[in-house]
Amino acid sequence: MEAVLWYVLTGTRGGGNRIRILRALDERPRNANQLAEDLALDYKTVRHHLDVLADNNIVRDSGDDYGAIYLPTEAARVHWETIETIMNHE
């Protein structure tokens, strides 16, 4: 999981936005629209990054597709120290 975290959050374009999304979700779960508004990002951009994070088991959604609330997965929480290291490295 640690290698995946480093790759998804620093090794690809968009890693900075993914870190911003994770920071926001750590504060409180939100849906894609709330994230877009709170982070001043385009909704489609947020959806793309949420899909990448979900595909890599870093975030999960709870609820229907449009209004789904996102939060870090249990696997991400187990490796949160690594996520914090990455966030501070950025």
N, C-alpha and C. Protein backbone atom coordinates (compact mmCIF):
# COMPACT_ATOMS: atom_id res chain seq x y z
N MET A 1 0.82 -1.20 0.00
CA MET A 1 0.00 0.00 0.00
C MET A 1 0.86 1.26 0.00
N GLU A 2 1.98 1.23 0.70
CA GLU A 2 2.82 2.43 0.77
C GLU A 2 3.33 2.84 -0.61
N ALA A 3 3.73 1.87 -1.42
CA ALA A 3 4.21 2.19 -2.77
C ALA A 3 3.08 2.80 -3.60
N VAL A 4 1.88 2.28 -3.46
CA VAL A 4 0.73 2.83 -4.17
C VAL A 4 0.48 4.27 -3.74
N LEU A 5 0.54 4.52 -2.45
CA LEU A 5 0.33 5.88 -1.95
C LEU A 5 1.35 6.85 -2.53
N TRP A 6 2.62 6.49 -2.49
CA TRP A 6 3.66 7.36 -3.05
C TRP A 6 3.43 7.59 -4.52
N TYR A 7 3.08 6.54 -5.26
CA TYR A 7 2.87 6.67 -6.69
C TYR A 7 1.67 7.58 -7.00
N VAL A 8 0.53 7.30 -6.37
CA VAL A 8 -0.70 8.04 -6.67
C VAL A 8 -0.62 9.49 -6.20
N LEU A 9 0.07 9.73 -5.09
CA LEU A 9 0.10 11.07 -4.53
C LEU A 9 1.30 11.92 -4.97
N THR A 10 2.35 11.28 -5.48
CA THR A 10 3.52 12.07 -5.90
C THR A 10 4.06 11.68 -7.27
N GLY A 11 3.80 10.47 -7.72
CA GLY A 11 4.43 9.98 -8.94
C GLY A 11 3.64 10.22 -10.21
N THR A 12 2.48 10.84 -10.09
CA THR A 12 1.65 11.08 -11.27
C THR A 12 1.19 12.53 -11.28
N ARG A 13 0.82 12.99 -12.47
CA ARG A 13 0.23 14.34 -12.55
C ARG A 13 -1.04 14.35 -11.72
N GLY A 14 -1.28 15.43 -11.08
CA GLY A 14 -2.49 15.52 -10.27
C GLY A 14 -2.30 15.11 -8.83
N GLY A 15 -1.11 14.67 -8.47
CA GLY A 15 -0.85 14.24 -7.10
C GLY A 15 -1.13 15.34 -6.09
N GLY A 16 -0.80 16.57 -6.44
CA GLY A 16 -1.05 17.69 -5.53
C GLY A 16 -2.52 17.87 -5.24
N ASN A 17 -3.35 17.75 -6.27
CA ASN A 17 -4.79 17.86 -6.05
C ASN A 17 -5.33 16.67 -5.25
N ARG A 18 -4.76 15.50 -5.47
CA ARG A 18 -5.20 14.34 -4.69
C ARG A 18 -4.86 14.51 -3.22
N ILE A 19 -3.71 15.10 -2.95
CA ILE A 19 -3.34 15.39 -1.56
C ILE A 19 -4.32 16.39 -0.96
N ARG A 20 -4.66 17.43 -1.71
CA ARG A 20 -5.62 18.42 -1.22
C ARG A 20 -6.97 17.76 -0.93
N ILE A 21 -7.40 16.86 -1.80
CA ILE A 21 -8.67 16.16 -1.59
C ILE A 21 -8.60 15.29 -0.34
N LEU A 22 -7.51 14.57 -0.17
CA LEU A 22 -7.36 13.73 1.03
C LEU A 22 -7.34 14.56 2.30
N ARG A 23 -6.65 15.69 2.27
CA ARG A 23 -6.65 16.58 3.45
C ARG A 23 -8.07 17.01 3.79
N ALA A 24 -8.83 17.40 2.77
CA ALA A 24 -10.20 17.84 2.99
C ALA A 24 -11.06 16.70 3.55
N LEU A 25 -10.88 15.50 3.02
CA LEU A 25 -11.67 14.36 3.49
C LEU A 25 -11.26 13.93 4.89
N ASP A 26 -10.02 14.20 5.25
CA ASP A 26 -9.57 13.90 6.61
C ASP A 26 -10.28 14.82 7.60
N GLU A 27 -10.53 16.07 7.19
CA GLU A 27 -11.25 17.01 8.05
C GLU A 27 -12.68 16.55 8.27
N ARG A 28 -13.35 16.20 7.15
CA ARG A 28 -14.71 15.68 7.22
C ARG A 28 -15.09 15.08 5.87
N PRO A 29 -15.89 14.02 5.88
CA PRO A 29 -16.35 13.43 4.62
C PRO A 29 -17.17 14.46 3.83
N ARG A 30 -17.05 14.41 2.51
CA ARG A 30 -17.77 15.33 1.63
C ARG A 30 -18.12 14.64 0.33
N ASN A 31 -19.04 15.23 -0.42
CA ASN A 31 -19.31 14.71 -1.75
C ASN A 31 -18.45 15.48 -2.76
N ALA A 32 -18.49 15.04 -4.01
CA ALA A 32 -17.62 15.64 -5.04
C ALA A 32 -17.94 17.12 -5.24
N ASN A 33 -19.21 17.47 -5.20
CA ASN A 33 -19.59 18.86 -5.39
C ASN A 33 -19.04 19.74 -4.27
N GLN A 34 -19.14 19.27 -3.03
CA GLN A 34 -18.60 20.02 -1.90
C GLN A 34 -17.09 20.18 -2.02
N LEU A 35 -16.42 19.10 -2.42
CA LEU A 35 -14.96 19.17 -2.60
C LEU A 35 -14.60 20.19 -3.67
N ALA A 36 -15.31 20.15 -4.79
CA ALA A 36 -15.02 21.09 -5.88
C ALA A 36 -15.18 22.52 -5.40
N GLU A 37 -16.24 22.78 -4.67
CA GLU A 37 -16.49 24.12 -4.16
C GLU A 37 -15.45 24.53 -3.11
N ASP A 38 -15.20 23.64 -2.16
CA ASP A 38 -14.27 23.96 -1.06
C ASP A 38 -12.83 24.13 -1.54
N LEU A 39 -12.45 23.40 -2.58
CA LEU A 39 -11.07 23.43 -3.06
C LEU A 39 -10.89 24.30 -4.31
N ALA A 40 -11.99 24.91 -4.76
CA ALA A 40 -11.97 25.75 -5.96
C ALA A 40 -11.41 24.99 -7.16
N LEU A 41 -11.91 23.76 -7.34
CA LEU A 41 -11.53 22.91 -8.48
C LEU A 41 -12.77 22.62 -9.31
N ASP A 42 -12.55 22.31 -10.58
CA ASP A 42 -13.64 21.92 -11.46
C ASP A 42 -14.23 20.59 -10.99
N TYR A 43 -15.54 20.47 -11.05
CA TYR A 43 -16.22 19.25 -10.60
C TYR A 43 -15.68 18.01 -11.31
N LYS A 44 -15.47 18.10 -12.63
CA LYS A 44 -14.96 16.94 -13.39
C LYS A 44 -13.55 16.56 -12.94
N THR A 45 -12.77 17.56 -12.59
CA THR A 45 -11.42 17.30 -12.09
C THR A 45 -11.49 16.54 -10.77
N VAL A 46 -12.36 16.99 -9.88
CA VAL A 46 -12.53 16.31 -8.59
C VAL A 46 -13.00 14.88 -8.80
N ARG A 47 -13.98 14.69 -9.69
CA ARG A 47 -14.49 13.33 -9.96
C ARG A 47 -13.37 12.44 -10.46
N HIS A 48 -12.53 12.95 -11.36
CA HIS A 48 -11.42 12.16 -11.87
C HIS A 48 -10.48 11.73 -10.74
N HIS A 49 -10.11 12.67 -9.90
CA HIS A 49 -9.18 12.35 -8.81
C HIS A 49 -9.82 11.40 -7.80
N LEU A 50 -11.10 11.57 -7.53
CA LEU A 50 -11.79 10.64 -6.62
C LEU A 50 -11.80 9.24 -7.22
N ASP A 51 -12.01 9.14 -8.53
CA ASP A 51 -11.98 7.82 -9.18
C ASP A 51 -10.61 7.18 -9.05
N VAL A 52 -9.55 7.96 -9.26
CA VAL A 52 -8.19 7.42 -9.13
C VAL A 52 -7.94 6.97 -7.69
N LEU A 53 -8.33 7.80 -6.73
CA LEU A 53 -8.15 7.44 -5.32
C LEU A 53 -8.97 6.21 -4.95
N ALA A 54 -10.19 6.11 -5.46
CA ALA A 54 -11.04 4.95 -5.17
C ALA A 54 -10.49 3.69 -5.83
N ASP A 55 -10.03 3.81 -7.07
CA ASP A 55 -9.46 2.66 -7.79
C ASP A 55 -8.24 2.10 -7.07
N ASN A 56 -7.57 2.94 -6.30
CA ASN A 56 -6.37 2.52 -5.57
C ASN A 56 -6.64 2.28 -4.09
N ASN A 57 -7.92 2.16 -3.71
CA ASN A 57 -8.34 1.82 -2.35
C ASN A 57 -7.88 2.84 -1.31
N ILE A 58 -7.87 4.12 -1.71
CA ILE A 58 -7.46 5.17 -0.78
C ILE A 58 -8.69 5.90 -0.22
N VAL A 59 -9.71 6.05 -1.05
CA VAL A 59 -10.99 6.58 -0.57
C VAL A 59 -12.10 5.64 -1.01
N ARG A 60 -13.23 5.76 -0.33
CA ARG A 60 -14.42 5.00 -0.71
C ARG A 60 -15.61 5.92 -0.62
N ASP A 61 -16.67 5.53 -1.33
CA ASP A 61 -17.87 6.34 -1.26
C ASP A 61 -18.95 5.59 -0.48
N SER A 62 -19.83 6.36 0.07
CA SER A 62 -20.98 5.78 0.76
C SER A 62 -22.21 6.55 0.32
N GLY A 63 -23.03 5.89 -0.44
CA GLY A 63 -24.23 6.54 -0.93
C GLY A 63 -24.37 6.42 -2.42
N ASP A 64 -25.38 7.10 -2.96
CA ASP A 64 -25.62 7.01 -4.40
C ASP A 64 -24.54 7.77 -5.15
N ASP A 65 -24.50 7.58 -6.46
CA ASP A 65 -23.40 8.09 -7.26
C ASP A 65 -23.27 9.61 -7.19
N TYR A 66 -24.34 10.35 -7.44
CA TYR A 66 -24.23 11.81 -7.50
C TYR A 66 -23.93 12.41 -6.13
N GLY A 67 -24.67 12.01 -5.12
CA GLY A 67 -24.50 12.61 -3.81
C GLY A 67 -23.60 11.81 -2.89
N ALA A 68 -22.86 10.87 -3.44
CA ALA A 68 -22.01 9.99 -2.63
C ALA A 68 -21.04 10.81 -1.78
N ILE A 69 -20.93 10.43 -0.54
CA ILE A 69 -19.98 11.04 0.38
C ILE A 69 -18.71 10.20 0.35
N TYR A 70 -17.57 10.86 0.26
CA TYR A 70 -16.28 10.17 0.21
C TYR A 70 -15.55 10.30 1.52
N LEU A 71 -14.83 9.24 1.87
CA LEU A 71 -14.01 9.23 3.06
C LEU A 71 -12.84 8.29 2.86
N PRO A 72 -11.77 8.48 3.62
CA PRO A 72 -10.62 7.57 3.49
C PRO A 72 -11.01 6.14 3.84
N THR A 73 -10.41 5.18 3.15
CA THR A 73 -10.67 3.78 3.44
C THR A 73 -9.96 3.36 4.73
N GLU A 74 -10.32 2.20 5.22
CA GLU A 74 -9.64 1.66 6.40
C GLU A 74 -8.15 1.42 6.08
N ALA A 75 -7.87 0.95 4.88
CA ALA A 75 -6.47 0.73 4.47
C ALA A 75 -5.69 2.03 4.50
N ALA A 76 -6.31 3.12 4.04
CA ALA A 76 -5.64 4.42 4.07
C ALA A 76 -5.40 4.85 5.51
N ARG A 77 -6.37 4.61 6.38
CA ARG A 77 -6.22 4.98 7.80
C ARG A 77 -5.08 4.20 8.45
N VAL A 78 -4.95 2.93 8.09
CA VAL A 78 -3.87 2.11 8.64
C VAL A 78 -2.51 2.69 8.23
N HIS A 79 -2.45 3.27 7.03
CA HIS A 79 -1.20 3.83 6.51
C HIS A 79 -1.20 5.36 6.55
N TRP A 80 -1.99 5.92 7.45
CA TRP A 80 -2.10 7.38 7.49
C TRP A 80 -0.77 8.06 7.80
N GLU A 81 0.08 7.42 8.55
CA GLU A 81 1.40 8.00 8.84
C GLU A 81 2.18 8.22 7.54
N THR A 82 2.09 7.28 6.62
CA THR A 82 2.74 7.44 5.32
C THR A 82 2.10 8.58 4.55
N ILE A 83 0.78 8.68 4.59
CA ILE A 83 0.08 9.77 3.92
C ILE A 83 0.52 11.11 4.50
N GLU A 84 0.64 11.18 5.81
CA GLU A 84 1.11 12.42 6.45
C GLU A 84 2.53 12.75 5.99
N THR A 85 3.40 11.75 5.90
CA THR A 85 4.76 11.97 5.41
C THR A 85 4.73 12.53 4.00
N ILE A 86 3.88 11.97 3.15
CA ILE A 86 3.76 12.44 1.77
C ILE A 86 3.23 13.87 1.75
N MET A 87 2.22 14.15 2.56
CA MET A 87 1.65 15.49 2.59
C MET A 87 2.70 16.52 3.03
N ASN A 88 3.51 16.16 4.00
CA ASN A 88 4.55 17.08 4.48
C ASN A 88 5.72 17.18 3.52
N HIS A 89 5.89 16.17 2.68
CA HIS A 89 6.95 16.14 1.69
C HIS A 89 6.61 17.05 0.52
N GLU A 90 5.34 17.20 0.26
CA GLU A 90 4.83 17.95 -0.90
C GLU A 90 5.18 19.40 -0.83
